[in-house]
Amino acid sequence: MSLALQVASDRGWFKSSYSGGNATECVECAYAPARTLIRDSKSPDGPVLSVGTGAWRHFIGAIYRDQ
């Protein structure tokens, strides 16, 4: 994993459908070539976490298996 500085307007950021539309404690994601970008929705100009697509798929799969 690495931190990546990205311009917010350059990406198609989205929130989880589970966020409920409120403005608290949400993360947003955007897809980039071979990467998934993650940021705090309350701080769109703040740091961005960048993870490989395979690692992101593994993470999401683990969440679904634990439900």
PDB file of N, CA and C in Angstrom:
ATOM      1  N   MET A   1       0.853  -1.185   0.000  1.00  0.00           N
ATOM      2  CA  MET A   1       0.000   0.000   0.000  1.00  0.00           C
ATOM      3  C   MET A   1       0.892   1.240   0.000  1.00  0.00           C
ATOM      4  N   SER A   2       0.385   2.286  -0.564  1.00  0.00           N
ATOM      5  CA  SER A   2       1.128   3.532  -0.584  1.00  0.00           C
ATOM      6  C   SER A   2       0.163   4.697  -0.546  1.00  0.00           C
ATOM      7  N   LEU A   3       0.685   5.834  -0.129  1.00  0.00           N
ATOM      8  CA  LEU A   3      -0.119   7.054  -0.175  1.00  0.00           C
ATOM      9  C   LEU A   3       0.132   7.723  -1.514  1.00  0.00           C
ATOM     10  N   ALA A   4      -0.923   8.167  -2.131  1.00  0.00           N
ATOM     11  CA  ALA A   4      -0.797   8.836  -3.425  1.00  0.00           C
ATOM     12  C   ALA A   4      -1.526  10.160  -3.363  1.00  0.00           C
ATOM     13  N   LEU A   5      -0.910  11.186  -3.895  1.00  0.00           N
ATOM     14  CA  LEU A   5      -1.585  12.479  -3.977  1.00  0.00           C
ATOM     15  C   LEU A   5      -2.305  12.531  -5.306  1.00  0.00           C
ATOM     16  N   GLN A   6      -3.595  12.738  -5.254  1.00  0.00           N
ATOM     17  CA  GLN A   6      -4.417  12.789  -6.461  1.00  0.00           C
ATOM     18  C   GLN A   6      -5.278  14.045  -6.409  1.00  0.00           C
ATOM     19  N   VAL A   7      -5.530  14.629  -7.544  1.00  0.00           N
ATOM     20  CA  VAL A   7      -6.459  15.747  -7.629  1.00  0.00           C
ATOM     21  C   VAL A   7      -7.855  15.156  -7.623  1.00  0.00           C
ATOM     22  N   ALA A   8      -8.693  15.588  -6.680  1.00  0.00           N
ATOM     23  CA  ALA A   8     -10.022  15.001  -6.493  1.00  0.00           C
ATOM     24  C   ALA A   8     -10.860  15.036  -7.757  1.00  0.00           C
ATOM     25  N   SER A   9     -10.787  16.098  -8.525  1.00  0.00           N
ATOM     26  CA  SER A   9     -11.639  16.215  -9.706  1.00  0.00           C
ATOM     27  C   SER A   9     -11.192  15.295 -10.841  1.00  0.00           C
ATOM     28  N   ASP A  10     -10.005  14.705 -10.745  1.00  0.00           N
ATOM     29  CA  ASP A  10      -9.495  13.840 -11.807  1.00  0.00           C
ATOM     30  C   ASP A  10     -10.101  12.447 -11.783  1.00  0.00           C
ATOM     31  N   ARG A  11     -10.758  12.062 -10.731  1.00  0.00           N
ATOM     32  CA  ARG A  11     -11.230  10.695 -10.560  1.00  0.00           C
ATOM     33  C   ARG A  11     -12.739  10.661 -10.370  1.00  0.00           C
ATOM     34  N   GLY A  12     -13.345   9.507 -10.635  1.00  0.00           N
ATOM     35  CA  GLY A  12     -14.769   9.300 -10.407  1.00  0.00           C
ATOM     36  C   GLY A  12     -14.983   8.719  -9.021  1.00  0.00           C
ATOM     37  N   TRP A  13     -14.963   9.548  -8.011  1.00  0.00           N
ATOM     38  CA  TRP A  13     -15.086   9.102  -6.624  1.00  0.00           C
ATOM     39  C   TRP A  13     -16.512   8.676  -6.333  1.00  0.00           C
ATOM     40  N   PHE A  14     -16.681   7.643  -5.508  1.00  0.00           N
ATOM     41  CA  PHE A  14     -18.009   7.184  -5.113  1.00  0.00           C
ATOM     42  C   PHE A  14     -17.968   6.685  -3.680  1.00  0.00           C
ATOM     43  N   LYS A  15     -19.133   6.723  -3.035  1.00  0.00           N
ATOM     44  CA  LYS A  15     -19.298   6.212  -1.672  1.00  0.00           C
ATOM     45  C   LYS A  15     -20.009   4.874  -1.734  1.00  0.00           C
ATOM     46  N   SER A  16     -19.838   4.110  -0.703  1.00  0.00           N
ATOM     47  CA  SER A  16     -20.534   2.835  -0.587  1.00  0.00           C
ATOM     48  C   SER A  16     -22.041   3.054  -0.563  1.00  0.00           C
ATOM     49  N   SER A  17     -22.777   2.102  -1.093  1.00  0.00           N
ATOM     50  CA  SER A  17     -24.240   2.169  -1.017  1.00  0.00           C
ATOM     51  C   SER A  17     -24.709   2.022   0.421  1.00  0.00           C
ATOM     52  N   TYR A  18     -23.843   1.554   1.307  1.00  0.00           N
ATOM     53  CA  TYR A  18     -24.172   1.413   2.723  1.00  0.00           C
ATOM     54  C   TYR A  18     -23.934   2.705   3.512  1.00  0.00           C
ATOM     55  N   SER A  19     -23.445   3.758   2.868  1.00  0.00           N
ATOM     56  CA  SER A  19     -23.124   4.981   3.595  1.00  0.00           C
ATOM     57  C   SER A  19     -24.361   5.706   4.101  1.00  0.00           C
ATOM     58  N   GLY A  20     -25.514   5.447   3.514  1.00  0.00           N
ATOM     59  CA  GLY A  20     -26.750   6.064   3.985  1.00  0.00           C
ATOM     60  C   GLY A  20     -26.895   7.515   3.614  1.00  0.00           C
ATOM     61  N   GLY A  21     -25.944   8.068   2.871  1.00  0.00           N
ATOM     62  CA  GLY A  21     -26.059   9.452   2.428  1.00  0.00           C
ATOM     63  C   GLY A  21     -25.709  10.479   3.492  1.00  0.00           C
ATOM     64  N   ASN A  22     -25.359  10.037   4.704  1.00  0.00           N
ATOM     65  CA  ASN A  22     -24.986  11.032   5.717  1.00  0.00           C
ATOM     66  C   ASN A  22     -23.558  11.490   5.472  1.00  0.00           C
ATOM     67  N   ALA A  23     -23.165  12.540   6.119  1.00  0.00           N
ATOM     68  CA  ALA A  23     -21.849  13.138   5.887  1.00  0.00           C
ATOM     69  C   ALA A  23     -20.820  12.709   6.925  1.00  0.00           C
ATOM     70  N   THR A  24     -21.099  11.713   7.726  1.00  0.00           N
ATOM     71  CA  THR A  24     -20.159  11.325   8.775  1.00  0.00           C
ATOM     72  C   THR A  24     -19.515   9.981   8.483  1.00  0.00           C
ATOM     73  N   GLU A  25     -18.267   9.889   8.828  1.00  0.00           N
ATOM     74  CA  GLU A  25     -17.509   8.642   8.834  1.00  0.00           C
ATOM     75  C   GLU A  25     -17.652   7.818   7.562  1.00  0.00           C
ATOM     76  N   CYS A  26     -17.445   8.418   6.435  1.00  0.00           N
ATOM     77  CA  CYS A  26     -17.509   7.705   5.160  1.00  0.00           C
ATOM     78  C   CYS A  26     -16.153   7.732   4.481  1.00  0.00           C
ATOM     79  N   VAL A  27     -15.925   6.725   3.694  1.00  0.00           N
ATOM     80  CA  VAL A  27     -14.783   6.733   2.800  1.00  0.00           C
ATOM     81  C   VAL A  27     -15.321   6.722   1.378  1.00  0.00           C
ATOM     82  N   GLU A  28     -14.517   7.228   0.486  1.00  0.00           N
ATOM     83  CA  GLU A  28     -14.857   7.225  -0.931  1.00  0.00           C
ATOM     84  C   GLU A  28     -13.773   6.452  -1.664  1.00  0.00           C
ATOM     85  N   CYS A  29     -14.156   5.854  -2.769  1.00  0.00           N
ATOM     86  CA  CYS A  29     -13.221   5.098  -3.591  1.00  0.00           C
ATOM     87  C   CYS A  29     -13.260   5.615  -5.019  1.00  0.00           C
ATOM     88  N   ALA A  30     -12.182   5.379  -5.712  1.00  0.00           N
ATOM     89  CA  ALA A  30     -12.102   5.655  -7.143  1.00  0.00           C
ATOM     90  C   ALA A  30     -11.187   4.593  -7.741  1.00  0.00           C
ATOM     91  N   TYR A  31     -11.452   4.248  -8.972  1.00  0.00           N
ATOM     92  CA  TYR A  31     -10.621   3.261  -9.653  1.00  0.00           C
ATOM     93  C   TYR A  31      -9.635   3.958 -10.565  1.00  0.00           C
ATOM     94  N   ALA A  32      -8.405   3.471 -10.544  1.00  0.00           N
ATOM     95  CA  ALA A  32      -7.340   3.946 -11.420  1.00  0.00           C
ATOM     96  C   ALA A  32      -6.721   2.702 -12.059  1.00  0.00           C
ATOM     97  N   PRO A  33      -5.930   2.849 -13.097  1.00  0.00           N
ATOM     98  CA  PRO A  33      -5.317   1.672 -13.706  1.00  0.00           C
ATOM     99  C   PRO A  33      -4.528   0.843 -12.681  1.00  0.00           C
ATOM    100  N   ALA A  34      -4.960  -0.384 -12.476  1.00  0.00           N
ATOM    101  CA  ALA A  34      -4.314  -1.353 -11.573  1.00  0.00           C
ATOM    102  C   ALA A  34      -4.292  -0.906 -10.108  1.00  0.00           C
ATOM    103  N   ARG A  35      -5.103   0.075  -9.732  1.00  0.00           N
ATOM    104  CA  ARG A  35      -5.122   0.595  -8.359  1.00  0.00           C
ATOM    105  C   ARG A  35      -6.557   0.898  -7.960  1.00  0.00           C
ATOM    106  N   THR A  36      -6.796   0.886  -6.661  1.00  0.00           N
ATOM    107  CA  THR A  36      -8.019   1.423  -6.084  1.00  0.00           C
ATOM    108  C   THR A  36      -7.591   2.528  -5.136  1.00  0.00           C
ATOM    109  N   LEU A  37      -8.213   3.678  -5.241  1.00  0.00           N
ATOM    110  CA  LEU A  37      -7.890   4.835  -4.417  1.00  0.00           C
ATOM    111  C   LEU A  37      -8.960   4.999  -3.350  1.00  0.00           C
ATOM    112  N   ILE A  38      -8.534   5.341  -2.148  1.00  0.00           N
ATOM    113  CA  ILE A  38      -9.444   5.469  -1.012  1.00  0.00           C
ATOM    114  C   ILE A  38      -9.116   6.767  -0.293  1.00  0.00           C
ATOM    115  N   ARG A  39     -10.170   7.515   0.079  1.00  0.00           N
ATOM    116  CA  ARG A  39      -9.965   8.764   0.816  1.00  0.00           C
ATOM    117  C   ARG A  39     -11.102   8.976   1.805  1.00  0.00           C
ATOM    118  N   ASP A  40     -10.890   9.882   2.725  1.00  0.00           N
ATOM    119  CA  ASP A  40     -11.901  10.291   3.694  1.00  0.00           C
ATOM    120  C   ASP A  40     -12.837  11.276   3.002  1.00  0.00           C
ATOM    121  N   SER A  41     -14.131  10.984   3.000  1.00  0.00           N
ATOM    122  CA  SER A  41     -15.079  11.853   2.298  1.00  0.00           C
ATOM    123  C   SER A  41     -15.164  13.244   2.915  1.00  0.00           C
ATOM    124  N   LYS A  42     -14.807  13.372   4.175  1.00  0.00           N
ATOM    125  CA  LYS A  42     -14.844  14.689   4.828  1.00  0.00           C
ATOM    126  C   LYS A  42     -13.624  15.530   4.488  1.00  0.00           C
ATOM    127  N   SER A  43     -12.615  14.898   3.872  1.00  0.00           N
ATOM    128  CA  SER A  43     -11.383  15.601   3.540  1.00  0.00           C
ATOM    129  C   SER A  43     -10.964  15.256   2.109  1.00  0.00           C
ATOM    130  N   PRO A  44     -11.746  15.693   1.121  1.00  0.00           N
ATOM    131  CA  PRO A  44     -11.470  15.303  -0.263  1.00  0.00           C
ATOM    132  C   PRO A  44     -10.127  15.796  -0.806  1.00  0.00           C
ATOM    133  N   ASP A  45      -9.561  16.817  -0.210  1.00  0.00           N
ATOM    134  CA  ASP A  45      -8.259  17.313  -0.646  1.00  0.00           C
ATOM    135  C   ASP A  45      -7.123  16.735   0.188  1.00  0.00           C
ATOM    136  N   GLY A  46      -7.454  15.838   1.108  1.00  0.00           N
ATOM    137  CA  GLY A  46      -6.453  15.225   1.974  1.00  0.00           C
ATOM    138  C   GLY A  46      -5.752  14.061   1.300  1.00  0.00           C
ATOM    139  N   PRO A  47      -5.035  13.274   2.086  1.00  0.00           N
ATOM    140  CA  PRO A  47      -4.284  12.152   1.521  1.00  0.00           C
ATOM    141  C   PRO A  47      -5.186  11.079   0.943  1.00  0.00           C
ATOM    142  N   VAL A  48      -4.629  10.337   0.013  1.00  0.00           N
ATOM    143  CA  VAL A  48      -5.328   9.254  -0.670  1.00  0.00           C
ATOM    144  C   VAL A  48      -4.513   7.981  -0.490  1.00  0.00           C
ATOM    145  N   LEU A  49      -5.164   6.926  -0.071  1.00  0.00           N
ATOM    146  CA  LEU A  49      -4.530   5.621   0.048  1.00  0.00           C
ATOM    147  C   LEU A  49      -4.705   4.897  -1.280  1.00  0.00           C
ATOM    148  N   SER A  50      -3.624   4.350  -1.801  1.00  0.00           N
ATOM    149  CA  SER A  50      -3.652   3.644  -3.078  1.00  0.00           C
ATOM    150  C   SER A  50      -3.267   2.191  -2.835  1.00  0.00           C
ATOM    151  N   VAL A  51      -4.135   1.260  -3.233  1.00  0.00           N
ATOM    152  CA  VAL A  51      -3.839  -0.164  -3.066  1.00  0.00           C
ATOM    153  C   VAL A  51      -3.998  -0.862  -4.411  1.00  0.00           C
ATOM    154  N   GLY A  52      -3.260  -1.931  -4.589  1.00  0.00           N
ATOM    155  CA  GLY A  52      -3.366  -2.710  -5.810  1.00  0.00           C
ATOM    156  C   GLY A  52      -4.754  -3.309  -5.954  1.00  0.00           C
ATOM    157  N   THR A  53      -5.182  -3.490  -7.188  1.00  0.00           N
ATOM    158  CA  THR A  53      -6.516  -4.014  -7.455  1.00  0.00           C
ATOM    159  C   THR A  53      -6.711  -5.397  -6.839  1.00  0.00           C
ATOM    160  N   GLY A  54      -5.712  -6.259  -6.913  1.00  0.00           N
ATOM    161  CA  GLY A  54      -5.815  -7.594  -6.330  1.00  0.00           C
ATOM    162  C   GLY A  54      -5.994  -7.549  -4.820  1.00  0.00           C
ATOM    163  N   ALA A  55      -5.242  -6.688  -4.164  1.00  0.00           N
ATOM    164  CA  ALA A  55      -5.368  -6.548  -2.706  1.00  0.00           C
ATOM    165  C   ALA A  55      -6.757  -6.023  -2.331  1.00  0.00           C
ATOM    166  N   TRP A  56      -7.276  -5.084  -3.115  1.00  0.00           N
ATOM    167  CA  TRP A  56      -8.608  -4.528  -2.851  1.00  0.00           C
ATOM    168  C   TRP A  56      -9.681  -5.601  -3.013  1.00  0.00           C
ATOM    169  N   ARG A  57      -9.576  -6.401  -4.070  1.00  0.00           N
ATOM    170  CA  ARG A  57     -10.541  -7.488  -4.275  1.00  0.00           C
ATOM    171  C   ARG A  57     -10.488  -8.490  -3.128  1.00  0.00           C
ATOM    172  N   HIS A  58      -9.297  -8.796  -2.668  1.00  0.00           N
ATOM    173  CA  HIS A  58      -9.147  -9.716  -1.541  1.00  0.00           C
ATOM    174  C   HIS A  58      -9.810  -9.130  -0.280  1.00  0.00           C
ATOM    175  N   PHE A  59      -9.597  -7.851  -0.025  1.00  0.00           N
ATOM    176  CA  PHE A  59     -10.192  -7.164   1.124  1.00  0.00           C
ATOM    177  C   PHE A  59     -11.716  -7.201   1.061  1.00  0.00           C
ATOM    178  N   ILE A  60     -12.283  -6.843  -0.084  1.00  0.00           N
ATOM    179  CA  ILE A  60     -13.735  -6.835  -0.245  1.00  0.00           C
ATOM    180  C   ILE A  60     -14.294  -8.253  -0.111  1.00  0.00           C
ATOM    181  N   GLY A  61     -13.605  -9.226  -0.694  1.00  0.00           N
ATOM    182  CA  GLY A  61     -14.043 -10.616  -0.566  1.00  0.00           C
ATOM    183  C   GLY A  61     -14.071 -11.085   0.867  1.00  0.00           C
ATOM    184  N   ALA A  62     -13.075 -10.688   1.646  1.00  0.00           N
ATOM    185  CA  ALA A  62     -13.025 -11.057   3.060  1.00  0.00           C
ATOM    186  C   ALA A  62     -14.182 -10.440   3.833  1.00  0.00           C
ATOM    187  N   ILE A  63     -14.552  -9.225   3.488  1.00  0.00           N
ATOM    188  CA  ILE A  63     -15.698  -8.573   4.146  1.00  0.00           C
ATOM    189  C   ILE A  63     -16.973  -9.349   3.854  1.00  0.00           C
ATOM    190  N   TYR A  64     -17.181  -9.709   2.604  1.00  0.00           N
ATOM    191  CA  TYR A  64     -18.403 -10.458   2.236  1.00  0.00           C
ATOM    192  C   TYR A  64     -18.433 -11.826   2.893  1.00  0.00           C
ATOM    193  N   ARG A  65     -17.308 -12.502   3.006  1.00  0.00           N
ATOM    194  CA  ARG A  65     -17.280 -13.818   3.642  1.00  0.00           C
ATOM    195  C   ARG A  65     -17.580 -13.745   5.130  1.00  0.00           C
ATOM    196  N   ASP A  66     -17.241 -12.632   5.774  1.00  0.00           N
ATOM    197  CA  ASP A  66     -17.435 -12.492   7.230  1.00  0.00           C
ATOM    198  C   ASP A  66     -18.810 -11.988   7.604  1.00  0.00           C
ATOM    199  N   GLN A  67     -19.690 -11.716   6.644  1.00  0.00           N
ATOM    200  CA  GLN A  67     -21.024 -11.189   6.971  1.00  0.00           C
ATOM    201  C   GLN A  67     -21.940 -12.291   7.434  1.00  0.00           C
TER     202      GLN A  67
END
